[in-house]
Amino acid sequence: MKYRYLGRSGLLVSRLCLGTMTFGNKDWGCDLEGSRAIVKAFVEGGGNFIDTADAYSAGESERILAEILKDYRRDELVIATKGFFPQADAVTARGLSRKHIVEAAEASLKRLGTDYIDLYQFHGPDPFTPVEESLRAVDDLIRAGKVRYLGCSNWYGWQIARANGIAALKGYEPFVSAQHLYNLVRRDIERDVLPACAAEGVGMICWSPLAAGMLSGKYRGQNRPAEGTRHGHQASIVENRYWFDEALKLVDAVVAAADKLGKTPSQVALSWLFGDNRVTAAIIGARRVEQVAENLEAGEFDLPAEIRDELTALMPLKLGYPQEWTALNGTPSLDKGEAHPPHTVRMP
């Protein structure tokens, strides 16, 4: 397993992160013993980074993980969780207010059976709470020793930049990570979020790196999600997100590349992400140990650059304005130095 620093921090995490959304999920997940076997395979394969959230299976994911963590030394693992979604009927039991952040973090600590959370993440942006309030709440938790680092998930690039600017101004702990949807099929964050993260020293943690299993090739030959599968259970979400002609053709190309390299499609799709050093980790979820064992190989495997470029070019991402203006007019008119300075910003 290879390790990367989490953004502009000194924290080293495995470049594969174990996602626990399947833990305790009755429709397409696994029970305690299945979850225990998955964690065992992941840790024995060199993984040290595990991600959960209070919203996963109504807290059951955190409770199951707590039982499993008893088998390991806590200080050898990096445990991440998230807060934001409603936790009760009360109108205050949601969002990123100081009240909810503190209560949600305390509840997660209790469910996880741990004294501290390594990475606490805002699961989404709250348009109704001043970001200063949210940042200060977690800063207090960090100073109290209950949280080590702060991250976000599903935020806009400008929100990440603004939050870290405020943190620098106020002396609060900044975001060191962002967790966003990113894979070969959905590369939206390349327009704005990834450049913002790179500029702010925020490491990217990719969720759904296999397009919820589509890039594994297991849905090839289907025109729509079959009932009983994970995509079938989540059809209202995944059909618009992943099921279109260009994506299906891209999956065929990933399978062909895997055959050429003697790898699996999942290993190729995961390794594609690590060709970008702005990416810190990719979250792999599983309901069976065999899935973990297969994906763990991507923790060491680096996709040849030429194959990565070929796959990237198969479904070009239209960056749009202002990126197209910058590429045509802005940067070329300025680039007259003998070499680029070390503070050069990638756009995008």
Protein backbone atom coordinates (compact mmCIF):
# COMPACT_ATOMS: atom_id res chain seq x y z
CA MET A 1 0.00 0.00 0.00
CA LYS A 2 1.21 3.50 -0.84
CA TYR A 3 0.43 6.47 1.40
CA ARG A 4 -0.20 10.13 0.72
CA TYR A 5 -0.29 13.21 2.92
CA LEU A 6 -3.78 14.48 3.61
CA GLY A 7 -3.70 17.92 2.03
CA ARG A 8 -1.40 20.43 3.67
CA SER A 9 -1.07 18.36 6.83
CA GLY A 10 1.45 15.91 8.19
CA LEU A 11 -1.11 13.09 8.32
CA LEU A 12 -0.25 10.10 6.12
CA VAL A 13 -3.19 8.00 4.96
CA SER A 14 -3.43 4.98 2.69
CA ARG A 15 -4.43 6.04 -0.78
CA LEU A 16 -7.31 3.61 -0.53
CA CYS A 17 -9.84 4.53 2.14
CA LEU A 18 -12.37 1.96 3.33
CA GLY A 19 -15.90 3.29 3.09
CA THR A 20 -18.44 1.85 5.51
CA MET A 21 -21.75 2.84 3.94
CA THR A 22 -22.46 -0.88 3.48
CA PHE A 23 -22.06 -1.61 7.20
CA GLY A 24 -25.50 -2.31 8.62
CA ASN A 25 -27.32 -1.54 5.36
CA LYS A 26 -30.08 -4.13 5.05
CA ASP A 27 -30.72 -3.65 1.31
CA TRP A 28 -27.22 -3.86 -0.20
CA GLY A 29 -24.86 -4.03 2.76
CA CYS A 30 -23.39 -6.43 5.30
CA ASP A 31 -23.81 -7.38 8.95
CA LEU A 32 -21.28 -7.18 11.80
CA GLU A 33 -19.36 -10.32 10.91
CA GLY A 34 -19.22 -9.46 7.23
CA SER A 35 -18.04 -5.95 8.11
CA ARG A 36 -15.41 -7.34 10.49
CA ALA A 37 -13.98 -9.55 7.74
CA ILE A 38 -13.86 -6.58 5.34
CA VAL A 39 -11.96 -4.39 7.83
CA LYS A 40 -9.56 -7.23 8.59
CA ALA A 41 -8.72 -7.69 4.91
CA PHE A 42 -8.30 -3.94 4.45
CA VAL A 43 -5.98 -3.44 7.43
CA GLU A 44 -3.93 -6.55 6.65
CA GLY A 45 -3.53 -5.15 3.13
CA GLY A 46 -1.93 -1.98 4.51
CA GLY A 47 -4.98 0.27 4.73
CA ASN A 48 -5.15 2.67 7.66
CA PHE A 49 -7.92 5.07 6.57
CA ILE A 50 -11.60 4.30 7.33
CA ASP A 51 -14.53 6.60 6.55
CA THR A 52 -18.05 6.61 7.97
CA ALA A 53 -20.84 9.10 8.75
CA ASP A 54 -23.62 9.54 11.26
CA ALA A 55 -26.11 9.33 8.37
CA TYR A 56 -25.01 5.85 7.24
CA SER A 57 -27.71 3.35 8.21
CA ALA A 58 -28.99 5.80 10.84
CA GLY A 59 -25.79 5.53 12.88
CA GLU A 60 -25.52 1.74 12.61
CA SER A 61 -22.36 2.02 10.51
CA GLU A 62 -20.60 3.86 13.34
CA ARG A 63 -21.88 1.37 15.92
CA ILE A 64 -20.66 -1.62 13.91
CA LEU A 65 -17.31 0.04 13.32
CA ALA A 66 -16.98 0.60 17.08
CA GLU A 67 -17.23 -3.14 17.71
CA ILE A 68 -14.63 -3.87 15.03
CA LEU A 69 -12.18 -1.22 16.27
CA LYS A 70 -11.82 -3.17 19.52
CA ASP A 71 -9.69 -5.63 17.54
CA TYR A 72 -7.09 -2.99 16.64
CA ARG A 73 -4.82 -0.37 18.14
CA ARG A 74 -6.78 2.85 17.79
CA ASP A 75 -3.70 5.02 17.22
CA GLU A 76 -2.70 2.99 14.14
CA LEU A 77 -5.89 3.86 12.27
CA VAL A 78 -7.26 7.12 10.85
CA ILE A 79 -11.01 7.25 11.48
CA ALA A 80 -13.12 9.80 9.63
CA THR A 81 -16.78 10.57 10.09
CA LYS A 82 -19.21 13.24 8.98
CA GLY A 83 -22.07 15.36 10.31
CA PHE A 84 -24.75 17.53 8.68
CA PHE A 85 -27.84 15.45 7.93
CA PRO A 86 -30.88 15.38 10.27
CA GLN A 87 -30.40 13.18 13.31
CA ALA A 88 -33.81 13.66 14.88
CA ASP A 89 -37.15 15.37 14.28
CA ALA A 90 -36.05 18.50 16.12
CA VAL A 91 -35.43 21.45 13.80
CA THR A 92 -32.07 22.03 15.48
CA ALA A 93 -30.80 18.48 14.84
CA ARG A 94 -29.35 19.19 11.40
CA GLY A 95 -27.00 21.47 9.48
CA LEU A 96 -23.78 23.13 10.57
CA SER A 97 -24.85 25.30 13.48
CA ARG A 98 -22.59 25.26 16.52
CA LYS A 99 -25.32 23.44 18.45
CA HIS A 100 -25.71 20.65 15.93
CA ILE A 101 -22.00 20.23 15.18
CA VAL A 102 -21.14 19.79 18.85
CA GLU A 103 -24.07 17.46 19.50
CA ALA A 104 -23.47 15.43 16.32
CA ALA A 105 -19.74 15.06 17.01
CA GLU A 106 -20.39 13.98 20.61
CA ALA A 107 -22.95 11.43 19.41
CA SER A 108 -20.50 10.07 16.83
CA LEU A 109 -17.80 9.76 19.49
CA LYS A 110 -20.20 7.76 21.64
CA ARG A 111 -21.32 5.48 18.82
CA LEU A 112 -17.72 4.93 17.68
CA GLY A 113 -16.58 4.20 21.24
CA THR A 114 -13.53 6.41 20.85
CA ASP A 115 -12.12 9.46 22.60
CA TYR A 116 -11.32 11.32 19.39
CA ILE A 117 -12.17 11.55 15.69
CA ASP A 118 -9.17 11.87 13.39
CA LEU A 119 -11.05 13.65 10.59
CA TYR A 120 -14.42 15.32 11.12
CA GLN A 121 -16.10 16.37 7.89
CA PHE A 122 -18.99 18.69 7.09
CA HIS A 123 -21.15 16.37 4.97
CA GLY A 124 -22.58 19.24 2.92
CA PRO A 125 -22.70 23.04 2.81
CA ASP A 126 -25.22 24.82 5.05
CA PRO A 127 -26.46 28.01 3.36
CA PHE A 128 -28.21 29.16 6.54
CA THR A 129 -25.28 29.10 8.99
CA PRO A 130 -22.35 31.56 8.80
CA VAL A 131 -19.23 29.56 7.99
CA GLU A 132 -17.42 31.37 10.82
CA GLU A 133 -19.79 29.72 13.30
CA SER A 134 -19.20 26.26 11.86
CA LEU A 135 -15.43 26.64 11.73
CA ARG A 136 -15.23 27.94 15.30
CA ALA A 137 -17.34 25.04 16.56
CA VAL A 138 -14.93 22.45 15.17
CA ASP A 139 -11.93 24.53 16.19
CA ASP A 140 -13.19 24.28 19.78
CA LEU A 141 -13.57 20.49 19.38
CA ILE A 142 -10.00 20.29 18.07
CA ARG A 143 -8.67 22.34 20.97
CA ALA A 144 -10.57 20.07 23.35
CA GLY A 145 -8.83 17.02 21.84
CA LYS A 146 -12.02 15.47 20.48
CA VAL A 147 -11.20 16.06 16.79
CA ARG A 148 -7.80 16.08 15.07
CA TYR A 149 -8.48 17.50 11.58
CA LEU A 150 -11.33 19.16 9.68
CA GLY A 151 -12.63 18.36 6.22
CA CYS A 152 -15.68 18.96 4.07
CA SER A 153 -17.73 17.02 1.56
CA ASN A 154 -19.79 18.14 -1.44
CA TRP A 155 -18.81 21.82 -1.11
CA TYR A 156 -18.29 24.23 -3.99
CA GLY A 157 -14.76 25.34 -4.79
CA TRP A 158 -15.46 28.95 -3.82
CA GLN A 159 -16.87 27.80 -0.47
CA ILE A 160 -13.71 25.83 0.30
CA ALA A 161 -11.48 28.78 -0.60
CA ARG A 162 -13.60 31.21 1.41
CA ALA A 163 -13.69 28.95 4.47
CA ASN A 164 -9.93 28.50 4.51
CA GLY A 165 -9.43 32.22 4.02
CA ILE A 166 -11.62 32.92 7.05
CA ALA A 167 -9.81 30.22 9.04
CA ALA A 168 -6.47 31.88 8.27
CA LEU A 169 -7.85 35.30 9.26
CA LYS A 170 -9.41 34.08 12.51
CA GLY A 171 -6.76 31.57 13.52
CA TYR A 172 -9.10 28.58 13.19
CA GLU A 173 -8.06 25.16 11.94
CA PRO A 174 -8.61 25.00 8.15
CA PHE A 175 -9.97 22.28 5.92
CA VAL A 176 -7.27 19.73 5.11
CA SER A 177 -9.51 17.56 2.94
CA ALA A 178 -12.57 17.53 0.73
CA GLN A 179 -14.63 14.46 -0.10
CA HIS A 180 -16.34 14.62 -3.48
CA LEU A 181 -17.81 12.50 -6.26
CA TYR A 182 -14.98 11.81 -8.72
CA ASN A 183 -14.37 9.03 -11.20
CA LEU A 184 -13.68 8.47 -14.89
CA VAL A 185 -17.36 8.95 -15.75
CA ARG A 186 -18.03 12.02 -13.58
CA ARG A 187 -15.15 14.48 -13.64
CA ASP A 188 -17.16 17.62 -12.80
CA ILE A 189 -14.84 18.70 -9.97
CA GLU A 190 -12.00 19.30 -12.44
CA ARG A 191 -13.72 22.57 -13.41
CA ASP A 192 -13.49 24.33 -10.08
CA VAL A 193 -13.32 22.16 -6.96
CA LEU A 194 -10.00 20.44 -7.66
CA PRO A 195 -8.22 23.70 -8.59
CA ALA A 196 -9.58 25.31 -5.41
CA CYS A 197 -8.37 22.38 -3.32
CA ALA A 198 -4.92 22.48 -4.90
CA ALA A 199 -4.62 26.22 -4.22
CA GLU A 200 -5.77 25.83 -0.61
CA GLY A 201 -3.72 22.75 0.26
CA VAL A 202 -6.83 20.58 0.56
CA GLY A 203 -6.48 16.88 -0.28
CA MET A 204 -9.20 15.26 -2.38
CA ILE A 205 -10.88 12.10 -1.10
CA CYS A 206 -12.93 10.59 -3.93
CA TRP A 207 -16.27 8.98 -3.23
CA SER A 208 -17.85 6.63 -5.75
CA PRO A 209 -14.50 6.14 -7.54
CA LEU A 210 -15.95 3.13 -9.38
CA ALA A 211 -19.20 4.91 -10.29
CA ALA A 212 -21.05 2.77 -7.73
CA GLY A 213 -19.64 -0.36 -9.35
CA MET A 214 -20.26 0.55 -12.99
CA LEU A 215 -16.52 0.88 -13.76
CA SER A 216 -15.99 -2.67 -12.49
CA GLY A 217 -17.72 -3.82 -15.67
CA LYS A 218 -20.38 -5.81 -13.85
CA TYR A 219 -23.24 -3.90 -15.48
CA ARG A 220 -22.02 -4.35 -19.05
CA GLY A 221 -24.67 -5.44 -21.50
CA GLN A 222 -27.48 -3.80 -19.53
CA ASN A 223 -29.48 -0.80 -20.69
CA ARG A 224 -30.67 0.10 -17.21
CA PRO A 225 -30.07 -1.04 -13.61
CA ALA A 226 -31.46 -4.48 -12.81
CA GLU A 227 -33.74 -4.95 -9.81
CA GLY A 228 -32.03 -6.33 -6.73
CA THR A 229 -28.64 -4.80 -7.54
CA ARG A 230 -27.22 -1.76 -5.77
CA HIS A 231 -27.92 0.31 -8.88
CA GLY A 232 -31.43 -1.10 -8.89
CA HIS A 233 -32.00 0.02 -5.31
CA GLN A 234 -30.59 3.47 -6.14
CA ALA A 235 -31.99 3.78 -9.67
CA SER A 236 -33.50 7.22 -9.05
CA ILE A 237 -29.98 8.52 -8.31
CA VAL A 238 -27.63 6.50 -10.49
CA GLU A 239 -29.56 6.38 -13.77
CA ASN A 240 -29.10 10.10 -14.42
CA ARG A 241 -25.61 10.08 -12.91
CA TYR A 242 -24.03 7.15 -14.75
CA TRP A 243 -26.30 5.49 -17.29
CA PHE A 244 -25.72 7.21 -20.63
CA ASP A 245 -24.15 6.09 -23.92
CA GLU A 246 -20.75 7.74 -23.48
CA ALA A 247 -20.35 6.20 -20.02
CA LEU A 248 -21.21 2.71 -21.25
CA LYS A 249 -18.63 3.03 -24.03
CA LEU A 250 -16.05 4.25 -21.53
CA VAL A 251 -16.63 1.16 -19.38
CA ASP A 252 -15.84 -1.01 -22.42
CA ALA A 253 -12.55 0.89 -22.84
CA VAL A 254 -11.66 0.38 -19.17
CA VAL A 255 -12.30 -3.35 -19.54
CA ALA A 256 -10.11 -3.46 -22.65
CA ALA A 257 -7.29 -1.60 -20.88
CA ALA A 258 -7.54 -3.99 -17.93
CA ASP A 259 -7.26 -7.00 -20.24
CA LYS A 260 -4.19 -5.46 -21.87
CA LEU A 261 -2.50 -4.86 -18.51
CA GLY A 262 -3.54 -8.10 -16.85
CA LYS A 263 -5.51 -6.15 -14.25
CA THR A 264 -9.19 -5.90 -13.37
CA PRO A 265 -11.35 -2.98 -14.54
CA SER A 266 -11.73 -1.82 -10.93
CA GLN A 267 -7.97 -1.68 -10.45
CA VAL A 268 -7.56 0.36 -13.64
CA ALA A 269 -10.36 2.80 -12.73
CA LEU A 270 -8.98 3.32 -9.22
CA SER A 271 -5.41 3.75 -10.40
CA TRP A 272 -6.55 6.35 -12.94
CA LEU A 273 -7.38 8.63 -10.01
CA PHE A 274 -3.91 8.43 -8.50
CA GLY A 275 -2.30 9.79 -11.65
CA ASP A 276 -3.38 13.20 -10.32
CA ASN A 277 -1.39 14.22 -7.24
CA ARG A 278 -4.26 16.44 -6.11
CA VAL A 279 -6.05 13.21 -5.15
CA THR A 280 -5.16 11.89 -1.72
CA ALA A 281 -7.38 8.83 -1.49
CA ALA A 282 -10.23 6.93 -3.10
CA ILE A 283 -12.99 5.42 -1.01
CA ILE A 284 -13.68 1.76 -1.70
CA GLY A 285 -16.85 0.21 -0.34
CA ALA A 286 -17.57 -3.49 -0.20
CA ARG A 287 -20.13 -6.05 0.86
CA ARG A 288 -17.77 -9.00 0.37
CA VAL A 289 -14.13 -9.62 1.32
CA GLU A 290 -13.29 -10.58 -2.27
CA GLN A 291 -14.08 -7.04 -3.42
CA VAL A 292 -11.63 -5.57 -0.91
CA ALA A 293 -8.85 -7.97 -1.91
CA GLU A 294 -9.27 -7.03 -5.59
CA ASN A 295 -9.32 -3.29 -4.97
CA LEU A 296 -6.36 -3.33 -2.58
CA GLU A 297 -4.04 -4.03 -5.49
CA ALA A 298 -4.76 -0.50 -6.73
CA GLY A 299 -3.07 0.75 -3.58
CA GLU A 300 0.26 -0.18 -5.20
CA PHE A 301 -0.51 -0.20 -8.93
CA ASP A 302 0.26 2.92 -10.97
CA LEU A 303 -1.51 3.12 -14.32
CA PRO A 304 0.88 3.79 -17.24
CA ALA A 305 0.63 7.45 -18.24
CA GLU A 306 -0.22 6.72 -21.88
CA ILE A 307 -3.16 4.50 -20.93
CA ARG A 308 -4.36 7.04 -18.40
CA ASP A 309 -4.29 9.73 -21.08
CA GLU A 310 -6.18 7.51 -23.53
CA LEU A 311 -8.96 6.83 -21.04
CA THR A 312 -9.17 10.50 -20.08
CA ALA A 313 -9.49 11.54 -23.72
CA LEU A 314 -12.35 9.14 -24.43
CA MET A 315 -14.89 11.40 -22.76
CA PRO A 316 -13.53 14.97 -22.93
CA LEU A 317 -14.66 17.28 -20.15
CA LYS A 318 -15.88 20.63 -21.38
CA LEU A 319 -14.46 23.05 -18.85
CA GLY A 320 -16.41 26.00 -20.24
CA TYR A 321 -15.91 29.67 -19.40
CA PRO A 322 -13.77 31.19 -17.87
CA GLN A 323 -11.34 28.29 -18.28
CA GLU A 324 -11.54 28.40 -22.07
CA TRP A 325 -10.83 32.15 -22.04
CA THR A 326 -7.85 31.67 -19.74
CA ALA A 327 -6.39 28.93 -21.94
CA LEU A 328 -6.76 31.01 -25.10
CA ASN A 329 -5.94 34.48 -23.84
CA GLY A 330 -4.95 34.79 -20.22
CA THR A 331 -2.07 32.41 -19.57
CA PRO A 332 -0.44 32.58 -23.05
CA SER A 333 -0.20 36.37 -22.86
CA LEU A 334 1.58 36.20 -19.50
CA ASP A 335 3.86 33.18 -19.93
CA LYS A 336 7.12 34.91 -20.87
CA GLY A 337 9.42 33.79 -18.06
CA GLU A 338 12.30 31.37 -18.49
CA ALA A 339 10.62 28.97 -16.05
CA HIS A 340 7.38 28.92 -14.12
CA PRO A 341 7.71 30.16 -10.53
CA PRO A 342 7.07 27.64 -7.72
CA HIS A 343 3.86 29.40 -6.74
CA THR A 344 2.28 28.89 -10.16
CA VAL A 345 -1.42 28.05 -9.84
CA ARG A 346 -2.87 25.32 -12.04
CA MET A 347 -5.86 26.73 -13.92
CA PRO A 348 -7.68 24.44 -13.62
